[in-house]
Amino acid sequence: MMEITRVSPLSGKSHTMDLDITQAQIDRYSAGEFVQVVFFNLSAGEREFIKTGITPEEWDNLMKAVEEPSE
């Protein structure tokens, strides 16, 4: 398990997730391998967090805001 910290471009907040990954996987991803291949064991939300810093909760909130009809 490794703690990964990213800053969300949506909120500007720093978030940390404890993910089941290794330094070797991070190195492979940093070298250009696809996130889906390297982190096959993670959920889509966890992979998105590694890529962008956006948490699953922030995505849920964003999607709710987009789906709500405007008044």
PDB file of N, CA and C in Angstrom:
ATOM      1  N   MET A   1       0.850  -1.186   0.000  1.00  0.00           N
ATOM      2  CA  MET A   1       0.000   0.000   0.000  1.00  0.00           C
ATOM      3  C   MET A   1       0.890   1.243   0.000  1.00  0.00           C
ATOM      4  N   MET A   2       0.471   2.217  -0.773  1.00  0.00           N
ATOM      5  CA  MET A   2       1.199   3.483  -0.843  1.00  0.00           C
ATOM      6  C   MET A   2       0.207   4.632  -0.745  1.00  0.00           C
ATOM      7  N   GLU A   3       0.606   5.662  -0.057  1.00  0.00           N
ATOM      8  CA  GLU A   3      -0.194   6.882  -0.014  1.00  0.00           C
ATOM      9  C   GLU A   3       0.176   7.742  -1.211  1.00  0.00           C
ATOM     10  N   ILE A   4      -0.836   8.131  -1.969  1.00  0.00           N
ATOM     11  CA  ILE A   4      -0.654   8.992  -3.128  1.00  0.00           C
ATOM     12  C   ILE A   4      -1.406  10.287  -2.860  1.00  0.00           C
ATOM     13  N   THR A   5      -0.738  11.396  -3.058  1.00  0.00           N
ATOM     14  CA  THR A   5      -1.346  12.707  -2.847  1.00  0.00           C
ATOM     15  C   THR A   5      -1.374  13.450  -4.173  1.00  0.00           C
ATOM     16  N   ARG A   6      -2.516  13.994  -4.482  1.00  0.00           N
ATOM     17  CA  ARG A   6      -2.712  14.777  -5.701  1.00  0.00           C
ATOM     18  C   ARG A   6      -3.550  16.005  -5.355  1.00  0.00           C
ATOM     19  N   VAL A   7      -3.432  17.036  -6.192  1.00  0.00           N
ATOM     20  CA  VAL A   7      -4.261  18.234  -6.061  1.00  0.00           C
ATOM     21  C   VAL A   7      -5.324  18.178  -7.148  1.00  0.00           C
ATOM     22  N   SER A   8      -6.567  18.303  -6.747  1.00  0.00           N
ATOM     23  CA  SER A   8      -7.682  18.250  -7.681  1.00  0.00           C
ATOM     24  C   SER A   8      -7.779  19.545  -8.480  1.00  0.00           C
ATOM     25  N   PRO A   9      -7.877  19.439  -9.796  1.00  0.00           N
ATOM     26  CA  PRO A   9      -8.084  20.645 -10.598  1.00  0.00           C
ATOM     27  C   PRO A   9      -9.503  21.200 -10.454  1.00  0.00           C
ATOM     28  N   LEU A  10     -10.420  20.392  -9.938  1.00  0.00           N
ATOM     29  CA  LEU A  10     -11.797  20.860  -9.739  1.00  0.00           C
ATOM     30  C   LEU A  10     -11.927  21.734  -8.506  1.00  0.00           C
ATOM     31  N   SER A  11     -11.301  21.295  -7.411  1.00  0.00           N
ATOM     32  CA  SER A  11     -11.470  22.006  -6.141  1.00  0.00           C
ATOM     33  C   SER A  11     -10.222  22.746  -5.690  1.00  0.00           C
ATOM     34  N   GLY A  12      -9.070  22.388  -6.241  1.00  0.00           N
ATOM     35  CA  GLY A  12      -7.809  22.970  -5.794  1.00  0.00           C
ATOM     36  C   GLY A  12      -7.324  22.387  -4.479  1.00  0.00           C
ATOM     37  N   LYS A  13      -8.058  21.392  -3.965  1.00  0.00           N
ATOM     38  CA  LYS A  13      -7.716  20.781  -2.686  1.00  0.00           C
ATOM     39  C   LYS A  13      -6.760  19.613  -2.893  1.00  0.00           C
ATOM     40  N   SER A  14      -5.912  19.407  -1.906  1.00  0.00           N
ATOM     41  CA  SER A  14      -4.993  18.276  -1.887  1.00  0.00           C
ATOM     42  C   SER A  14      -5.694  17.086  -1.234  1.00  0.00           C
ATOM     43  N   HIS A  15      -5.640  15.933  -1.898  1.00  0.00           N
ATOM     44  CA  HIS A  15      -6.261  14.712  -1.385  1.00  0.00           C
ATOM     45  C   HIS A  15      -5.222  13.604  -1.362  1.00  0.00           C
ATOM     46  N   THR A  16      -5.355  12.700  -0.404  1.00  0.00           N
ATOM     47  CA  THR A  16      -4.469  11.550  -0.299  1.00  0.00           C
ATOM     48  C   THR A  16      -5.301  10.289  -0.278  1.00  0.00           C
ATOM     49  N   MET A  17      -4.877   9.304  -1.073  1.00  0.00           N
ATOM     50  CA  MET A  17      -5.522   7.995  -1.073  1.00  0.00           C
ATOM     51  C   MET A  17      -4.459   6.946  -0.773  1.00  0.00           C
ATOM     52  N   ASP A  18      -4.826   5.946   0.000  1.00  0.00           N
ATOM     53  CA  ASP A  18      -3.953   4.814   0.294  1.00  0.00           C
ATOM     54  C   ASP A  18      -4.310   3.720  -0.707  1.00  0.00           C
ATOM     55  N   LEU A  19      -3.431   3.495  -1.682  1.00  0.00           N
ATOM     56  CA  LEU A  19      -3.741   2.594  -2.784  1.00  0.00           C
ATOM     57  C   LEU A  19      -2.840   1.359  -2.772  1.00  0.00           C
ATOM     58  N   ASP A  20      -3.382   0.271  -3.261  1.00  0.00           N
ATOM     59  CA  ASP A  20      -2.658  -0.997  -3.340  1.00  0.00           C
ATOM     60  C   ASP A  20      -1.796  -1.005  -4.609  1.00  0.00           C
ATOM     61  N   ILE A  21      -0.684  -0.238  -4.556  1.00  0.00           N
ATOM     62  CA  ILE A  21       0.233  -0.132  -5.687  1.00  0.00           C
ATOM     63  C   ILE A  21       1.667  -0.182  -5.183  1.00  0.00           C
ATOM     64  N   THR A  22       2.589  -0.333  -6.138  1.00  0.00           N
ATOM     65  CA  THR A  22       4.006  -0.394  -5.799  1.00  0.00           C
ATOM     66  C   THR A  22       4.757   0.746  -6.480  1.00  0.00           C
ATOM     67  N   GLN A  23       5.956   0.991  -6.009  1.00  0.00           N
ATOM     68  CA  GLN A  23       6.805   1.996  -6.646  1.00  0.00           C
ATOM     69  C   GLN A  23       7.124   1.584  -8.084  1.00  0.00           C
ATOM     70  N   ALA A  24       7.282   0.289  -8.312  1.00  0.00           N
ATOM     71  CA  ALA A  24       7.555  -0.192  -9.667  1.00  0.00           C
ATOM     72  C   ALA A  24       6.411   0.171 -10.620  1.00  0.00           C
ATOM     73  N   GLN A  25       5.175   0.075 -10.148  1.00  0.00           N
ATOM     74  CA  GLN A  25       4.031   0.456 -10.981  1.00  0.00           C
ATOM     75  C   GLN A  25       4.056   1.958 -11.269  1.00  0.00           C
ATOM     76  N   ILE A  26       4.352   2.753 -10.261  1.00  0.00           N
ATOM     77  CA  ILE A  26       4.432   4.202 -10.463  1.00  0.00           C
ATOM     78  C   ILE A  26       5.510   4.529 -11.485  1.00  0.00           C
ATOM     79  N   ASP A  27       6.638   3.862 -11.395  1.00  0.00           N
ATOM     80  CA  ASP A  27       7.733   4.086 -12.341  1.00  0.00           C
ATOM     81  C   ASP A  27       7.311   3.727 -13.765  1.00  0.00           C
ATOM     82  N   ARG A  28       6.598   2.617 -13.927  1.00  0.00           N
ATOM     83  CA  ARG A  28       6.119   2.212 -15.254  1.00  0.00           C
ATOM     84  C   ARG A  28       5.149   3.251 -15.814  1.00  0.00           C
ATOM     85  N   TYR A  29       4.238   3.725 -14.971  1.00  0.00           N
ATOM     86  CA  TYR A  29       3.274   4.740 -15.402  1.00  0.00           C
ATOM     87  C   TYR A  29       3.994   6.038 -15.773  1.00  0.00           C
ATOM     88  N   SER A  30       4.947   6.429 -14.967  1.00  0.00           N
ATOM     89  CA  SER A  30       5.718   7.649 -15.238  1.00  0.00           C
ATOM     90  C   SER A  30       6.515   7.543 -16.529  1.00  0.00           C
ATOM     91  N   ALA A  31       6.886   6.309 -16.892  1.00  0.00           N
ATOM     92  CA  ALA A  31       7.642   6.080 -18.121  1.00  0.00           C
ATOM     93  C   ALA A  31       6.744   6.050 -19.357  1.00  0.00           C
ATOM     94  N   GLY A  32       5.416   6.127 -19.156  1.00  0.00           N
ATOM     95  CA  GLY A  32       4.518   6.240 -20.290  1.00  0.00           C
ATOM     96  C   GLY A  32       3.566   5.084 -20.524  1.00  0.00           C
ATOM     97  N   GLU A  33       3.602   4.049 -19.678  1.00  0.00           N
ATOM     98  CA  GLU A  33       2.646   2.955 -19.858  1.00  0.00           C
ATOM     99  C   GLU A  33       1.242   3.436 -19.498  1.00  0.00           C
ATOM    100  N   PHE A  34       0.251   2.832 -20.121  1.00  0.00           N
ATOM    101  CA  PHE A  34      -1.142   3.216 -19.881  1.00  0.00           C
ATOM    102  C   PHE A  34      -1.560   2.902 -18.449  1.00  0.00           C
ATOM    103  N   VAL A  35      -2.303   3.830 -17.863  1.00  0.00           N
ATOM    104  CA  VAL A  35      -2.751   3.687 -16.478  1.00  0.00           C
ATOM    105  C   VAL A  35      -3.577   2.415 -16.283  1.00  0.00           C
ATOM    106  N   GLN A  36      -4.385   2.052 -17.294  1.00  0.00           N
ATOM    107  CA  GLN A  36      -5.230   0.860 -17.175  1.00  0.00           C
ATOM    108  C   GLN A  36      -4.400  -0.419 -17.151  1.00  0.00           C
ATOM    109  N   VAL A  37      -3.269  -0.411 -17.829  1.00  0.00           N
ATOM    110  CA  VAL A  37      -2.400  -1.587 -17.882  1.00  0.00           C
ATOM    111  C   VAL A  37      -1.600  -1.707 -16.594  1.00  0.00           C
ATOM    112  N   VAL A  38      -0.994  -0.608 -16.182  1.00  0.00           N
ATOM    113  CA  VAL A  38      -0.125  -0.625 -14.999  1.00  0.00           C
ATOM    114  C   VAL A  38      -0.910  -0.870 -13.720  1.00  0.00           C
ATOM    115  N   PHE A  39      -2.034  -0.182 -13.573  1.00  0.00           N
ATOM    116  CA  PHE A  39      -2.821  -0.254 -12.339  1.00  0.00           C
ATOM    117  C   PHE A  39      -4.108  -1.055 -12.565  1.00  0.00           C
ATOM    118  N   PHE A  40      -3.978  -2.205 -13.209  1.00  0.00           N
ATOM    119  CA  PHE A  40      -5.123  -3.052 -13.546  1.00  0.00           C
ATOM    120  C   PHE A  40      -5.918  -3.468 -12.318  1.00  0.00           C
ATOM    121  N   ASN A  41      -5.262  -3.478 -11.165  1.00  0.00           N
ATOM    122  CA  ASN A  41      -5.903  -3.940  -9.931  1.00  0.00           C
ATOM    123  C   ASN A  41      -6.736  -2.853  -9.245  1.00  0.00           C
ATOM    124  N   LEU A  42      -6.655  -1.625  -9.724  1.00  0.00           N
ATOM    125  CA  LEU A  42      -7.396  -0.519  -9.101  1.00  0.00           C
ATOM    126  C   LEU A  42      -8.733  -0.289  -9.801  1.00  0.00           C
ATOM    127  N   SER A  43      -9.626   0.371  -9.100  1.00  0.00           N
ATOM    128  CA  SER A  43     -10.906   0.750  -9.704  1.00  0.00           C
ATOM    129  C   SER A  43     -10.680   1.907 -10.673  1.00  0.00           C
ATOM    130  N   ALA A  44     -11.660   2.146 -11.524  1.00  0.00           N
ATOM    131  CA  ALA A  44     -11.573   3.260 -12.463  1.00  0.00           C
ATOM    132  C   ALA A  44     -11.412   4.587 -11.721  1.00  0.00           C
ATOM    133  N   GLY A  45     -12.103   4.745 -10.603  1.00  0.00           N
ATOM    134  CA  GLY A  45     -11.994   5.970  -9.810  1.00  0.00           C
ATOM    135  C   GLY A  45     -10.614   6.166  -9.215  1.00  0.00           C
ATOM    136  N   GLU A  46     -10.009   5.070  -8.772  1.00  0.00           N
ATOM    137  CA  GLU A  46      -8.658   5.164  -8.217  1.00  0.00           C
ATOM    138  C   GLU A  46      -7.645   5.493  -9.308  1.00  0.00           C
ATOM    139  N   ARG A  47      -7.816   4.912 -10.488  1.00  0.00           N
ATOM    140  CA  ARG A  47      -6.915   5.233 -11.610  1.00  0.00           C
ATOM    141  C   ARG A  47      -7.079   6.696 -12.023  1.00  0.00           C
ATOM    142  N   GLU A  48      -8.310   7.174 -12.047  1.00  0.00           N
ATOM    143  CA  GLU A  48      -8.552   8.577 -12.391  1.00  0.00           C
ATOM    144  C   GLU A  48      -7.874   9.505 -11.380  1.00  0.00           C
ATOM    145  N   PHE A  49      -7.922   9.124 -10.115  1.00  0.00           N
ATOM    146  CA  PHE A  49      -7.256   9.922  -9.084  1.00  0.00           C
ATOM    147  C   PHE A  49      -5.757  10.004  -9.353  1.00  0.00           C
ATOM    148  N   ILE A  50      -5.144   8.896  -9.727  1.00  0.00           N
ATOM    149  CA  ILE A  50      -3.712   8.914 -10.037  1.00  0.00           C
ATOM    150  C   ILE A  50      -3.436   9.839 -11.218  1.00  0.00           C
ATOM    151  N   LYS A  51      -4.275   9.760 -12.250  1.00  0.00           N
ATOM    152  CA  LYS A  51      -4.069  10.567 -13.457  1.00  0.00           C
ATOM    153  C   LYS A  51      -4.324  12.044 -13.233  1.00  0.00           C
ATOM    154  N   THR A  52      -5.426  12.384 -12.557  1.00  0.00           N
ATOM    155  CA  THR A  52      -5.884  13.775 -12.537  1.00  0.00           C
ATOM    156  C   THR A  52      -5.945  14.422 -11.160  1.00  0.00           C
ATOM    157  N   GLY A  53      -5.999  13.594 -10.113  1.00  0.00           N
ATOM    158  CA  GLY A  53      -6.169  14.145  -8.775  1.00  0.00           C
ATOM    159  C   GLY A  53      -7.616  14.336  -8.381  1.00  0.00           C
ATOM    160  N   ILE A  54      -8.532  13.991  -9.286  1.00  0.00           N
ATOM    161  CA  ILE A  54      -9.957  14.130  -8.999  1.00  0.00           C
ATOM    162  C   ILE A  54     -10.429  12.871  -8.279  1.00  0.00           C
ATOM    163  N   THR A  55     -11.052  13.057  -7.120  1.00  0.00           N
ATOM    164  CA  THR A  55     -11.518  11.920  -6.331  1.00  0.00           C
ATOM    165  C   THR A  55     -12.841  11.391  -6.888  1.00  0.00           C
ATOM    166  N   PRO A  56     -13.173  10.145  -6.575  1.00  0.00           N
ATOM    167  CA  PRO A  56     -14.474   9.625  -6.998  1.00  0.00           C
ATOM    168  C   PRO A  56     -15.638  10.479  -6.489  1.00  0.00           C
ATOM    169  N   GLU A  57     -15.526  11.000  -5.284  1.00  0.00           N
ATOM    170  CA  GLU A  57     -16.590  11.840  -4.729  1.00  0.00           C
ATOM    171  C   GLU A  57     -16.748  13.129  -5.529  1.00  0.00           C
ATOM    172  N   GLU A  58     -15.622  13.721  -5.940  1.00  0.00           N
ATOM    173  CA  GLU A  58     -15.704  14.947  -6.741  1.00  0.00           C
ATOM    174  C   GLU A  58     -16.355  14.666  -8.100  1.00  0.00           C
ATOM    175  N   TRP A  59     -16.025  13.531  -8.708  1.00  0.00           N
ATOM    176  CA  TRP A  59     -16.660  13.165  -9.974  1.00  0.00           C
ATOM    177  C   TRP A  59     -18.157  12.982  -9.786  1.00  0.00           C
ATOM    178  N   ASP A  60     -18.558  12.300  -8.707  1.00  0.00           N
ATOM    179  CA  ASP A  60     -19.981  12.113  -8.437  1.00  0.00           C
ATOM    180  C   ASP A  60     -20.694  13.449  -8.301  1.00  0.00           C
ATOM    181  N   ASN A  61     -20.094  14.364  -7.553  1.00  0.00           N
ATOM    182  CA  ASN A  61     -20.697  15.689  -7.370  1.00  0.00           C
ATOM    183  C   ASN A  61     -20.777  16.454  -8.691  1.00  0.00           C
ATOM    184  N   LEU A  62     -19.747  16.340  -9.502  1.00  0.00           N
ATOM    185  CA  LEU A  62     -19.740  17.011 -10.801  1.00  0.00           C
ATOM    186  C   LEU A  62     -20.842  16.454 -11.694  1.00  0.00           C
ATOM    187  N   MET A  63     -20.973  15.144 -11.728  1.00  0.00           N
ATOM    188  CA  MET A  63     -21.998  14.520 -12.571  1.00  0.00           C
ATOM    189  C   MET A  63     -23.408  14.872 -12.099  1.00  0.00           C
ATOM    190  N   LYS A  64     -23.615  14.954 -10.794  1.00  0.00           N
ATOM    191  CA  LYS A  64     -24.923  15.362 -10.267  1.00  0.00           C
ATOM    192  C   LYS A  64     -25.248  16.781 -10.711  1.00  0.00           C
ATOM    193  N   ALA A  65     -24.254  17.663 -10.660  1.00  0.00           N
ATOM    194  CA  ALA A  65     -24.465  19.057 -11.052  1.00  0.00           C
ATOM    195  C   ALA A  65     -24.772  19.156 -12.539  1.00  0.00           C
ATOM    196  N   VAL A  66     -24.123  18.343 -13.346  1.00  0.00           N
ATOM    197  CA  VAL A  66     -24.354  18.372 -14.797  1.00  0.00           C
ATOM    198  C   VAL A  66     -25.731  17.813 -15.145  1.00  0.00           C
ATOM    199  N   GLU A  67     -26.159  16.775 -14.415  1.00  0.00           N
ATOM    200  CA  GLU A  67     -27.434  16.127 -14.708  1.00  0.00           C
ATOM    201  C   GLU A  67     -28.633  16.900 -14.202  1.00  0.00           C
ATOM    202  N   GLU A  68     -28.469  17.755 -13.213  1.00  0.00           N
ATOM    203  CA  GLU A  68     -29.601  18.519 -12.668  1.00  0.00           C
ATOM    204  C   GLU A  68     -30.048  19.567 -13.667  1.00  0.00           C
ATOM    205  N   PRO A  69     -31.339  19.662 -13.894  1.00  0.00           N
ATOM    206  CA  PRO A  69     -31.823  20.689 -14.817  1.00  0.00           C
ATOM    207  C   PRO A  69     -31.585  22.088 -14.245  1.00  0.00           C
ATOM    208  N   SER A  70     -31.192  22.982 -15.104  1.00  0.00           N
ATOM    209  CA  SER A  70     -31.005  24.363 -14.638  1.00  0.00           C
ATOM    210  C   SER A  70     -32.337  25.073 -14.607  1.00  0.00           C
ATOM    211  N   GLU A  71     -32.434  26.005 -13.690  1.00  0.00           N
ATOM    212  CA  GLU A  71     -33.700  26.736 -13.512  1.00  0.00           C
ATOM    213  C   GLU A  71     -33.640  28.072 -14.171  1.00  0.00           C
TER     214      GLU A  71
END
